[in-house]
């Protein structure tokens, strides 16, 4: 009986490892993939009406850049980008935001997320400021209201003040094409 019990015990020693490996594989498969495919409950709903203070000391052409005000969404298509100077993917997407800002049919607004003002100003000074308004979200409350999973994220708000599209993660070539398509739809409505 001792001989028969030994092979069973050896198998039992490996059982926790096998279970752990199976759970880890399932977990990784669920996390992997395209984060932009995550659904947003805010699509088709009014954009949050939070007023965010301006990034202190940020000026454009000698004028202080305003903070985020819900009046930005009145009768104008607005692209809202949530970013931070400490966010490496935000640096990668920044040239695409500069391109978007060239389109005078829309307003580009930024929400600076949990960032030091001097770092945010330095970031915009180095890479350029594409934003007509930059609201500061020190505590992350605005990000919660907007349903942000993590920075960067970009929203298109239609003329009627409803969120039309949400892009999760940095805008790259493919993401830029998607954003342009969704912008054209919003601009037609």
N, C-alpha and C. Protein backbone atom coordinates (compact mmCIF):
# COMPACT_ATOMS: atom_id res chain seq x y z
N UNK A 1 0.82 -1.19 0.00
CA UNK A 1 0.00 0.00 0.00
C UNK A 1 0.87 1.26 0.00
N UNK A 2 2.01 1.22 0.64
CA UNK A 2 2.93 2.34 0.62
C UNK A 2 3.40 2.66 -0.79
N UNK A 3 3.67 1.65 -1.58
CA UNK A 3 4.14 1.83 -2.96
C UNK A 3 3.08 2.51 -3.81
N UNK A 4 1.81 2.17 -3.62
CA UNK A 4 0.73 2.77 -4.41
C UNK A 4 0.47 4.21 -3.98
N UNK A 5 0.69 4.54 -2.75
CA UNK A 5 0.42 5.89 -2.24
C UNK A 5 1.48 6.89 -2.70
N UNK A 6 2.68 6.45 -2.94
CA UNK A 6 3.76 7.36 -3.33
C UNK A 6 3.50 8.07 -4.66
N UNK A 7 3.13 7.38 -5.74
CA UNK A 7 2.87 8.11 -6.99
C UNK A 7 1.73 9.12 -6.82
N UNK A 8 0.74 8.77 -6.03
CA UNK A 8 -0.37 9.70 -5.82
C UNK A 8 0.12 10.94 -5.08
N UNK A 9 0.96 10.79 -4.13
CA UNK A 9 1.49 11.93 -3.37
C UNK A 9 2.35 12.83 -4.25
N UNK A 10 3.14 12.25 -5.13
CA UNK A 10 3.97 13.05 -6.03
C UNK A 10 3.07 13.92 -6.92
N UNK A 11 2.01 13.38 -7.38
CA UNK A 11 1.09 14.12 -8.22
C UNK A 11 0.44 15.25 -7.43
N UNK A 12 0.12 14.99 -6.18
CA UNK A 12 -0.49 16.01 -5.33
C UNK A 12 0.46 17.17 -5.07
N UNK A 13 1.74 16.91 -5.05
CA UNK A 13 2.72 17.97 -4.86
C UNK A 13 2.69 18.93 -6.05
N UNK A 14 2.47 18.43 -7.24
CA UNK A 14 2.45 19.25 -8.45
C UNK A 14 1.09 19.92 -8.68
N UNK A 15 0.05 19.48 -8.03
CA UNK A 15 -1.30 19.99 -8.25
C UNK A 15 -1.41 21.50 -8.01
N UNK A 16 -0.91 22.06 -6.91
CA UNK A 16 -1.01 23.52 -6.73
C UNK A 16 -0.30 24.30 -7.84
N UNK A 17 0.84 23.81 -8.30
CA UNK A 17 1.56 24.48 -9.36
C UNK A 17 0.77 24.46 -10.67
N UNK A 18 0.17 23.35 -10.98
CA UNK A 18 -0.65 23.22 -12.19
C UNK A 18 -1.86 24.15 -12.12
N UNK A 19 -2.52 24.20 -10.97
CA UNK A 19 -3.68 25.09 -10.79
C UNK A 19 -3.25 26.55 -10.92
N UNK A 20 -2.13 26.90 -10.28
CA UNK A 20 -1.63 28.27 -10.38
C UNK A 20 -1.32 28.65 -11.83
N UNK A 21 -0.66 27.77 -12.55
CA UNK A 21 -0.31 28.04 -13.95
C UNK A 21 -1.57 28.22 -14.81
N UNK A 22 -2.57 27.40 -14.57
CA UNK A 22 -3.81 27.52 -15.33
C UNK A 22 -4.51 28.85 -15.03
N UNK A 23 -4.58 29.23 -13.77
CA UNK A 23 -5.20 30.50 -13.40
C UNK A 23 -4.42 31.69 -13.95
N UNK A 24 -3.10 31.61 -13.89
CA UNK A 24 -2.26 32.69 -14.41
C UNK A 24 -2.47 32.84 -15.92
N UNK A 25 -2.55 31.74 -16.64
CA UNK A 25 -2.78 31.79 -18.09
C UNK A 25 -4.14 32.41 -18.40
N UNK A 26 -5.16 32.03 -17.66
CA UNK A 26 -6.49 32.61 -17.88
C UNK A 26 -6.47 34.11 -17.59
N UNK A 27 -5.81 34.49 -16.52
CA UNK A 27 -5.72 35.90 -16.15
C UNK A 27 -5.01 36.71 -17.24
N UNK A 28 -3.89 36.20 -17.72
CA UNK A 28 -3.14 36.90 -18.75
C UNK A 28 -3.92 37.01 -20.04
N UNK A 29 -4.65 35.99 -20.41
CA UNK A 29 -5.44 36.05 -21.63
C UNK A 29 -6.55 37.07 -21.52
N UNK A 30 -7.13 37.25 -20.37
CA UNK A 30 -8.19 38.24 -20.17
C UNK A 30 -7.64 39.66 -20.19
N UNK A 31 -6.43 39.84 -19.68
CA UNK A 31 -5.84 41.18 -19.64
C UNK A 31 -5.26 41.54 -21.00
N UNK A 32 -4.68 40.61 -21.68
CA UNK A 32 -4.05 40.89 -22.96
C UNK A 32 -5.05 41.37 -23.98
N UNK A 33 -4.55 41.85 -25.11
CA UNK A 33 -5.44 42.30 -26.16
C UNK A 33 -5.48 43.81 -26.24
N UNK A 34 -6.42 44.28 -27.00
CA UNK A 34 -6.55 45.70 -27.30
C UNK A 34 -7.37 46.39 -26.22
N UNK A 35 -6.75 47.28 -25.43
CA UNK A 35 -7.50 47.95 -24.37
C UNK A 35 -8.57 48.87 -24.91
N UNK A 36 -8.44 49.33 -26.15
CA UNK A 36 -9.44 50.24 -26.71
C UNK A 36 -10.76 49.53 -26.97
N UNK A 37 -10.79 48.21 -26.85
CA UNK A 37 -12.03 47.46 -27.05
C UNK A 37 -12.87 47.43 -25.78
N UNK A 38 -12.35 47.97 -24.68
CA UNK A 38 -13.13 48.04 -23.46
C UNK A 38 -14.32 48.96 -23.68
N UNK A 39 -15.51 48.52 -23.32
CA UNK A 39 -16.68 49.37 -23.55
C UNK A 39 -16.71 50.56 -22.59
N UNK A 40 -17.33 51.63 -23.03
CA UNK A 40 -17.49 52.80 -22.16
C UNK A 40 -18.98 53.02 -21.95
N UNK A 41 -19.38 53.11 -20.71
CA UNK A 41 -20.78 53.36 -20.36
C UNK A 41 -21.17 54.80 -20.65
N UNK A 42 -20.21 55.67 -20.93
CA UNK A 42 -20.50 57.09 -21.11
C UNK A 42 -20.83 57.48 -22.55
N UNK A 43 -20.61 56.58 -23.51
CA UNK A 43 -20.90 56.91 -24.90
C UNK A 43 -22.40 57.21 -25.02
N UNK A 44 -22.70 58.36 -25.62
CA UNK A 44 -24.09 58.78 -25.79
C UNK A 44 -24.67 59.51 -24.59
N UNK A 45 -23.86 59.66 -23.55
CA UNK A 45 -24.32 60.38 -22.35
C UNK A 45 -23.64 61.75 -22.28
N UNK A 46 -24.23 62.69 -21.54
CA UNK A 46 -23.62 64.02 -21.43
C UNK A 46 -22.22 63.95 -20.81
N UNK A 47 -21.33 64.78 -21.34
CA UNK A 47 -19.98 64.89 -20.77
C UNK A 47 -20.09 65.43 -19.36
N UNK A 48 -19.20 65.03 -18.47
CA UNK A 48 -19.21 65.56 -17.10
C UNK A 48 -19.15 67.08 -17.10
N UNK A 49 -19.86 67.67 -16.16
CA UNK A 49 -19.94 69.14 -16.11
C UNK A 49 -19.03 69.72 -15.04
N UNK A 50 -17.90 69.08 -14.84
CA UNK A 50 -16.92 69.58 -13.86
C UNK A 50 -16.16 70.77 -14.42
N UNK A 51 -15.94 71.74 -13.59
CA UNK A 51 -15.07 72.85 -13.93
C UNK A 51 -13.72 72.57 -13.27
N UNK A 52 -12.66 72.57 -14.06
CA UNK A 52 -11.32 72.31 -13.54
C UNK A 52 -10.48 73.57 -13.63
N UNK A 53 -9.69 73.85 -12.60
CA UNK A 53 -8.86 75.06 -12.62
C UNK A 53 -7.78 74.95 -13.69
N UNK A 54 -7.32 76.11 -14.17
CA UNK A 54 -6.27 76.10 -15.18
C UNK A 54 -4.93 75.66 -14.60
N UNK A 55 -4.06 75.23 -15.47
CA UNK A 55 -2.69 74.89 -15.10
C UNK A 55 -1.96 76.20 -14.84
N UNK A 56 -1.65 76.45 -13.58
CA UNK A 56 -1.06 77.74 -13.21
C UNK A 56 0.24 77.99 -13.96
N UNK A 57 0.33 79.24 -14.45
CA UNK A 57 1.55 79.65 -15.15
C UNK A 57 1.60 79.27 -16.62
N UNK A 58 0.59 78.57 -17.14
CA UNK A 58 0.59 78.19 -18.55
C UNK A 58 -0.02 79.32 -19.38
N UNK A 59 0.75 79.82 -20.33
CA UNK A 59 0.29 80.92 -21.17
C UNK A 59 0.56 80.58 -22.63
N UNK A 60 -0.27 81.16 -23.48
CA UNK A 60 -0.12 81.00 -24.93
C UNK A 60 -0.29 82.39 -25.54
N UNK A 61 0.70 82.86 -26.29
CA UNK A 61 0.68 84.19 -26.91
C UNK A 61 0.43 85.29 -25.88
N UNK A 62 1.02 85.15 -24.70
CA UNK A 62 0.91 86.15 -23.65
C UNK A 62 -0.38 86.10 -22.83
N UNK A 63 -1.28 85.17 -23.16
CA UNK A 63 -2.54 85.04 -22.42
C UNK A 63 -2.53 83.73 -21.64
N UNK A 64 -3.12 83.77 -20.45
CA UNK A 64 -3.23 82.55 -19.64
C UNK A 64 -4.16 81.56 -20.34
N UNK A 65 -3.75 80.30 -20.39
CA UNK A 65 -4.59 79.25 -20.97
C UNK A 65 -5.65 78.90 -19.93
N UNK A 66 -6.94 78.93 -20.33
CA UNK A 66 -7.99 78.67 -19.35
C UNK A 66 -8.05 77.21 -18.90
N UNK A 67 -8.74 76.99 -17.79
CA UNK A 67 -9.00 75.64 -17.32
C UNK A 67 -10.15 75.02 -18.09
N UNK A 68 -10.56 73.86 -17.68
CA UNK A 68 -11.65 73.15 -18.37
C UNK A 68 -12.98 73.63 -17.81
N UNK A 69 -13.81 74.11 -18.71
CA UNK A 69 -15.13 74.61 -18.34
C UNK A 69 -16.16 73.92 -19.23
N UNK A 70 -17.27 73.46 -18.67
CA UNK A 70 -18.29 72.77 -19.48
C UNK A 70 -18.82 73.60 -20.64
N UNK A 71 -18.67 74.92 -20.59
CA UNK A 71 -19.14 75.75 -21.69
C UNK A 71 -18.36 75.47 -22.98
N UNK A 72 -17.19 74.82 -22.85
CA UNK A 72 -16.42 74.43 -24.04
C UNK A 72 -17.23 73.52 -24.94
N UNK A 73 -18.14 72.75 -24.36
CA UNK A 73 -18.89 71.75 -25.11
C UNK A 73 -20.13 72.33 -25.80
N UNK A 74 -20.37 73.62 -25.66
CA UNK A 74 -21.55 74.24 -26.25
C UNK A 74 -21.36 74.47 -27.74
N UNK A 75 -22.10 73.73 -28.54
CA UNK A 75 -22.18 73.92 -29.98
C UNK A 75 -20.85 73.83 -30.72
N UNK A 76 -19.92 73.10 -30.15
CA UNK A 76 -18.63 72.90 -30.80
C UNK A 76 -18.15 71.48 -30.49
N UNK A 77 -17.61 70.81 -31.48
CA UNK A 77 -17.04 69.49 -31.23
C UNK A 77 -15.74 69.69 -30.47
N UNK A 78 -15.60 68.95 -29.37
CA UNK A 78 -14.43 69.09 -28.50
C UNK A 78 -13.76 67.74 -28.32
N UNK A 79 -12.45 67.73 -28.43
CA UNK A 79 -11.66 66.55 -28.12
C UNK A 79 -11.02 66.80 -26.76
N UNK A 80 -11.27 65.89 -25.83
CA UNK A 80 -10.72 66.01 -24.48
C UNK A 80 -9.69 64.90 -24.29
N UNK A 81 -8.46 65.28 -23.98
CA UNK A 81 -7.38 64.33 -23.79
C UNK A 81 -6.92 64.36 -22.33
N UNK A 82 -6.88 63.19 -21.70
CA UNK A 82 -6.40 63.07 -20.32
C UNK A 82 -4.94 62.65 -20.40
N UNK A 83 -4.04 63.44 -19.81
CA UNK A 83 -2.60 63.22 -19.98
C UNK A 83 -1.85 63.61 -18.71
N UNK A 84 -0.58 63.25 -18.68
CA UNK A 84 0.32 63.63 -17.58
C UNK A 84 1.75 63.65 -18.09
N UNK A 85 2.58 64.49 -17.49
CA UNK A 85 3.98 64.58 -17.91
C UNK A 85 4.75 63.30 -17.59
N UNK A 86 4.34 62.57 -16.54
CA UNK A 86 5.03 61.35 -16.13
C UNK A 86 4.62 60.14 -16.97
N UNK A 87 3.67 60.32 -17.85
CA UNK A 87 3.11 59.24 -18.68
C UNK A 87 3.91 59.11 -19.98
N UNK A 88 4.69 58.05 -20.10
CA UNK A 88 5.51 57.84 -21.30
C UNK A 88 4.66 57.72 -22.56
N UNK A 89 3.56 56.96 -22.57
CA UNK A 89 2.73 56.90 -23.78
C UNK A 89 2.14 58.26 -24.17
N UNK A 90 1.97 59.16 -23.21
CA UNK A 90 1.48 60.51 -23.52
C UNK A 90 2.47 61.24 -24.42
N UNK A 91 3.75 60.99 -24.22
CA UNK A 91 4.77 61.61 -25.07
C UNK A 91 4.69 61.06 -26.48
N UNK A 92 4.42 59.76 -26.58
CA UNK A 92 4.33 59.12 -27.90
C UNK A 92 3.14 59.64 -28.70
N UNK A 93 2.02 59.92 -28.02
CA UNK A 93 0.83 60.35 -28.74
C UNK A 93 0.80 61.86 -29.00
N UNK A 94 1.64 62.61 -28.33
CA UNK A 94 1.57 64.07 -28.39
C UNK A 94 1.64 64.64 -29.81
N UNK A 95 2.51 64.13 -30.70
CA UNK A 95 2.52 64.66 -32.08
C UNK A 95 1.16 64.52 -32.78
N UNK A 96 0.41 63.48 -32.44
CA UNK A 96 -0.91 63.30 -33.05
C UNK A 96 -1.90 64.33 -32.52
N UNK A 97 -1.75 64.71 -31.25
CA UNK A 97 -2.60 65.76 -30.69
C UNK A 97 -2.28 67.10 -31.33
N UNK A 98 -1.00 67.34 -31.60
CA UNK A 98 -0.60 68.58 -32.27
C UNK A 98 -1.25 68.62 -33.66
N UNK A 99 -1.28 67.49 -34.37
CA UNK A 99 -1.95 67.43 -35.68
C UNK A 99 -3.45 67.70 -35.54
N UNK A 100 -4.08 67.10 -34.53
CA UNK A 100 -5.51 67.32 -34.31
C UNK A 100 -5.81 68.80 -34.07
N UNK A 101 -4.96 69.47 -33.33
CA UNK A 101 -5.17 70.87 -32.98
C UNK A 101 -5.16 71.78 -34.21
N UNK A 102 -4.60 71.31 -35.31
CA UNK A 102 -4.58 72.10 -36.54
C UNK A 102 -5.96 72.22 -37.17
N UNK A 103 -6.87 71.30 -36.83
CA UNK A 103 -8.24 71.31 -37.36
C UNK A 103 -9.05 72.36 -36.62
N UNK A 104 -9.31 73.48 -37.27
CA UNK A 104 -9.99 74.62 -36.62
C UNK A 104 -11.49 74.39 -36.44
N UNK A 105 -12.01 73.25 -36.89
CA UNK A 105 -13.43 72.95 -36.70
C UNK A 105 -13.72 72.41 -35.30
N UNK A 106 -12.68 72.14 -34.54
CA UNK A 106 -12.86 71.54 -33.22
C UNK A 106 -12.03 72.27 -32.19
N UNK A 107 -12.33 71.97 -30.93
CA UNK A 107 -11.55 72.49 -29.81
C UNK A 107 -10.86 71.32 -29.14
N UNK A 108 -9.59 71.46 -28.85
CA UNK A 108 -8.83 70.43 -28.15
C UNK A 108 -8.57 70.90 -26.72
N UNK A 109 -9.06 70.12 -25.76
CA UNK A 109 -8.89 70.46 -24.35
C UNK A 109 -8.13 69.33 -23.65
N UNK A 110 -7.35 69.68 -22.66
CA UNK A 110 -6.59 68.69 -21.91
C UNK A 110 -7.00 68.64 -20.45
N UNK A 111 -6.94 67.45 -19.89
CA UNK A 111 -7.09 67.27 -18.45
C UNK A 111 -5.75 66.74 -17.96
N UNK A 112 -5.04 67.56 -17.20
CA UNK A 112 -3.74 67.17 -16.67
C UNK A 112 -3.98 66.37 -15.38
N UNK A 113 -3.62 65.09 -15.40
CA UNK A 113 -3.97 64.14 -14.37
C UNK A 113 -2.86 63.93 -13.35
N UNK A 114 -3.14 64.27 -12.09
CA UNK A 114 -2.23 64.01 -10.96
C UNK A 114 -0.77 64.33 -11.30
N UNK A 115 -0.54 65.57 -11.64
CA UNK A 115 0.77 65.99 -12.12
C UNK A 115 1.23 67.22 -11.36
N UNK A 116 2.51 67.41 -11.27
CA UNK A 116 3.07 68.63 -10.68
C UNK A 116 3.00 69.73 -11.74
N UNK A 117 2.51 70.93 -11.39
CA UNK A 117 2.35 72.00 -12.38
C UNK A 117 3.63 72.31 -13.16
N UNK A 118 4.77 72.35 -12.46
CA UNK A 118 6.01 72.66 -13.17
C UNK A 118 6.38 71.58 -14.18
N UNK A 119 6.10 70.32 -13.86
CA UNK A 119 6.38 69.23 -14.80
C UNK A 119 5.45 69.30 -16.00
N UNK A 120 4.18 69.61 -15.76
CA UNK A 120 3.21 69.71 -16.86
C UNK A 120 3.58 70.87 -17.79
N UNK A 121 3.96 72.02 -17.22
CA UNK A 121 4.37 73.16 -18.05
C UNK A 121 5.63 72.83 -18.85
N UNK A 122 6.57 72.16 -18.21
CA UNK A 122 7.81 71.77 -18.89
C UNK A 122 7.51 70.83 -20.06
N UNK A 123 6.60 69.88 -19.83
CA UNK A 123 6.19 68.92 -20.87
C UNK A 123 5.62 69.67 -22.08
N UNK A 124 4.67 70.58 -21.82
CA UNK A 124 4.04 71.33 -22.92
C UNK A 124 5.03 72.30 -23.57
N UNK A 125 5.96 72.83 -22.79
CA UNK A 125 6.99 73.69 -23.36
C UNK A 125 7.91 72.93 -24.29
N UNK A 126 8.21 71.71 -23.94
CA UNK A 126 9.13 70.89 -24.74
C UNK A 126 8.47 70.33 -25.99
N UNK A 127 7.22 69.83 -25.85
CA UNK A 127 6.56 69.14 -26.96
C UNK A 127 5.53 70.00 -27.69
N UNK A 128 5.22 71.17 -27.16
CA UNK A 128 4.22 72.05 -27.76
C UNK A 128 2.89 71.91 -27.04
N UNK A 129 2.14 73.00 -27.01
CA UNK A 129 0.83 72.99 -26.36
C UNK A 129 -0.27 73.00 -27.41
N UNK A 130 -0.90 71.85 -27.66
CA UNK A 130 -1.98 71.81 -28.64
C UNK A 130 -3.34 72.19 -28.05
N UNK A 131 -3.41 72.39 -26.73
CA UNK A 131 -4.68 72.55 -26.03
C UNK A 131 -5.14 74.01 -25.97
N UNK A 132 -6.44 74.21 -26.24
CA UNK A 132 -7.05 75.53 -26.07
C UNK A 132 -7.37 75.77 -24.60
N UNK A 133 -7.52 74.69 -23.84
CA UNK A 133 -7.80 74.76 -22.40
C UNK A 133 -7.12 73.56 -21.74
N UNK A 134 -6.59 73.79 -20.53
CA UNK A 134 -5.99 72.69 -19.75
C UNK A 134 -6.52 72.78 -18.33
N UNK A 135 -7.31 71.78 -17.97
CA UNK A 135 -7.82 71.71 -16.60
C UNK A 135 -6.95 70.79 -15.78
N UNK A 136 -6.77 71.12 -14.51
CA UNK A 136 -5.91 70.34 -13.61
C UNK A 136 -6.78 69.42 -12.76
N UNK A 137 -6.44 68.14 -12.77
CA UNK A 137 -7.14 67.12 -11.97
C UNK A 137 -6.15 66.56 -10.95
N UNK A 138 -5.90 67.34 -9.90
CA UNK A 138 -4.92 66.94 -8.87
C UNK A 138 -5.28 65.64 -8.18
N UNK A 139 -6.52 65.51 -7.76
CA UNK A 139 -6.93 64.37 -6.95
C UNK A 139 -7.49 63.20 -7.74
N UNK A 140 -7.71 63.36 -9.04
CA UNK A 140 -8.23 62.28 -9.85
C UNK A 140 -9.75 62.19 -9.90
N UNK A 141 -10.44 63.15 -9.30
CA UNK A 141 -11.90 63.15 -9.29
C UNK A 141 -12.49 63.27 -10.70
N UNK A 142 -11.92 64.16 -11.51
CA UNK A 142 -12.41 64.35 -12.88
C UNK A 142 -12.23 63.06 -13.69
N UNK A 143 -11.10 62.40 -13.50
CA UNK A 143 -10.86 61.15 -14.22
C UNK A 143 -11.93 60.11 -13.88
N UNK A 144 -12.35 60.07 -12.63
CA UNK A 144 -13.41 59.15 -12.23
C UNK A 144 -14.71 59.53 -12.94
N UNK A 145 -15.02 60.82 -12.95
CA UNK A 145 -16.25 61.29 -13.61
C UNK A 145 -16.26 60.97 -15.11
N UNK A 146 -15.10 61.05 -15.73
CA UNK A 146 -14.97 60.75 -17.16
C UNK A 146 -14.85 59.26 -17.43
N UNK A 147 -14.72 58.44 -16.40
CA UNK A 147 -14.60 56.99 -16.60
C UNK A 147 -13.25 56.57 -17.15
N UNK A 148 -12.20 57.26 -16.72
CA UNK A 148 -10.85 57.00 -17.23
C UNK A 148 -10.30 55.72 -16.59
N UNK A 149 -9.78 54.82 -17.44
CA UNK A 149 -9.12 53.60 -16.97
C UNK A 149 -7.68 53.88 -16.61
N UNK A 150 -7.04 54.77 -17.38
CA UNK A 150 -5.64 55.14 -17.17
C UNK A 150 -5.22 56.11 -18.25
N UNK A 151 -4.21 56.90 -17.99
CA UNK A 151 -3.76 57.88 -18.98
C UNK A 151 -2.85 57.22 -20.00
N UNK A 152 -2.88 57.66 -21.22
CA UNK A 152 -3.75 58.67 -21.79
C UNK A 152 -5.08 58.07 -22.27
N UNK A 153 -6.07 58.91 -22.29
CA UNK A 153 -7.36 58.58 -22.89
C UNK A 153 -7.89 59.82 -23.58
N UNK A 154 -8.65 59.60 -24.64
CA UNK A 154 -9.14 60.71 -25.44
C UNK A 154 -10.63 60.52 -25.70
N UNK A 155 -11.38 61.61 -25.56
CA UNK A 155 -12.83 61.60 -25.75
C UNK A 155 -13.21 62.60 -26.83
N UNK A 156 -14.23 62.25 -27.61
CA UNK A 156 -14.81 63.21 -28.54
C UNK A 156 -16.19 63.56 -27.99
N UNK A 157 -16.40 64.85 -27.78
CA UNK A 157 -17.68 65.35 -27.28
C UNK A 157 -18.35 66.11 -28.42
N UNK A 158 -19.58 65.71 -28.75
CA UNK A 158 -20.32 66.34 -29.84
C UNK A 158 -20.81 67.73 -29.48
N UNK A 159 -21.37 68.39 -30.48
CA UNK A 159 -21.90 69.76 -30.29
C UNK A 159 -23.00 69.81 -29.23
N UNK A 160 -23.68 68.69 -29.06
CA UNK A 160 -24.77 68.64 -28.08
C UNK A 160 -24.28 68.33 -26.67
N UNK A 161 -22.95 68.20 -26.50
CA UNK A 161 -22.39 67.95 -25.17
C UNK A 161 -22.36 66.49 -24.76
N UNK A 162 -22.66 65.58 -25.69
CA UNK A 162 -22.61 64.15 -25.36
C UNK A 162 -21.30 63.54 -25.83
N UNK A 163 -20.86 62.55 -25.10
CA UNK A 163 -19.63 61.85 -25.46
C UNK A 163 -19.95 60.93 -26.64
N UNK A 164 -19.23 61.11 -27.73
CA UNK A 164 -19.46 60.33 -28.96
C UNK A 164 -18.49 59.16 -29.11
N UNK A 165 -17.29 59.32 -28.55
CA UNK A 165 -16.25 58.31 -28.78
C UNK A 165 -15.23 58.39 -27.66
N UNK A 166 -14.64 57.25 -27.35
CA UNK A 166 -13.59 57.19 -26.34
C UNK A 166 -12.46 56.33 -26.89
N UNK A 167 -11.26 56.87 -26.86
CA UNK A 167 -10.07 56.12 -27.27
C UNK A 167 -9.23 55.86 -26.03
N UNK A 168 -9.04 54.60 -25.71
CA UNK A 168 -8.27 54.22 -24.53
C UNK A 168 -6.83 53.95 -24.96
N UNK A 169 -5.89 54.54 -24.24
CA UNK A 169 -4.48 54.33 -24.55
C UNK A 169 -3.97 55.43 -25.47
N UNK A 170 -2.69 55.35 -25.81
CA UNK A 170 -2.10 56.40 -26.64
C UNK A 170 -2.61 56.35 -28.08
N UNK A 171 -2.73 57.50 -28.67
CA UNK A 171 -3.11 57.58 -30.08
C UNK A 171 -1.84 57.33 -30.89
N UNK A 172 -1.88 56.32 -31.75
CA UNK A 172 -0.79 56.03 -32.67
C UNK A 172 -1.35 56.22 -34.08
N UNK A 173 -0.66 55.75 -35.11
CA UNK A 173 -1.14 55.90 -36.49
C UNK A 173 -2.55 55.32 -36.66
N UNK A 174 -2.73 54.08 -36.21
CA UNK A 174 -4.04 53.43 -36.33
C UNK A 174 -5.10 54.14 -35.51
N UNK A 175 -4.75 54.52 -34.29
CA UNK A 175 -5.68 55.23 -33.42
C UNK A 175 -6.03 56.60 -33.98
N UNK A 176 -5.05 57.26 -34.61
CA UNK A 176 -5.30 58.57 -35.21
C UNK A 176 -6.33 58.45 -36.32
N UNK A 177 -6.21 57.39 -37.12
CA UNK A 177 -7.18 57.17 -38.20
C UNK A 177 -8.59 56.95 -37.63
N UNK A 178 -8.69 56.15 -36.55
CA UNK A 178 -9.99 55.91 -35.91
C UNK A 178 -10.57 57.21 -35.35
N UNK A 179 -9.72 57.99 -34.68
CA UNK A 179 -10.18 59.25 -34.10
C UNK A 179 -10.66 60.18 -35.20
N UNK A 180 -9.95 60.26 -36.32
CA UNK A 180 -10.35 61.13 -37.43
C UNK A 180 -11.72 60.70 -37.99
N UNK A 181 -11.93 59.40 -38.12
CA UNK A 181 -13.22 58.91 -38.62
C UNK A 181 -14.34 59.31 -37.67
N UNK A 182 -14.12 59.11 -36.36
CA UNK A 182 -15.13 59.46 -35.37
C UNK A 182 -15.34 60.97 -35.28
N UNK A 183 -14.28 61.73 -35.49
CA UNK A 183 -14.40 63.19 -35.50
C UNK A 183 -15.27 63.65 -36.66
N UNK A 184 -15.05 63.07 -37.82
CA UNK A 184 -15.86 63.44 -39.00
C UNK A 184 -17.33 63.16 -38.74
N UNK A 185 -17.62 62.03 -38.11
CA UNK A 185 -19.02 61.71 -37.76
C UNK A 185 -19.59 62.76 -36.83
N UNK A 186 -18.83 63.12 -35.81
CA UNK A 186 -19.30 64.12 -34.83
C UNK A 186 -19.46 65.49 -35.48
N UNK A 187 -18.59 65.83 -36.41
CA UNK A 187 -18.66 67.14 -37.06
C UNK A 187 -19.86 67.24 -38.00
N UNK A 188 -20.33 66.11 -38.52
CA UNK A 188 -21.50 66.10 -39.40
C UNK A 188 -22.80 66.24 -38.63
N UNK A 189 -22.80 65.84 -37.38
CA UNK A 189 -24.05 65.90 -36.59
C UNK A 189 -24.24 67.23 -35.92
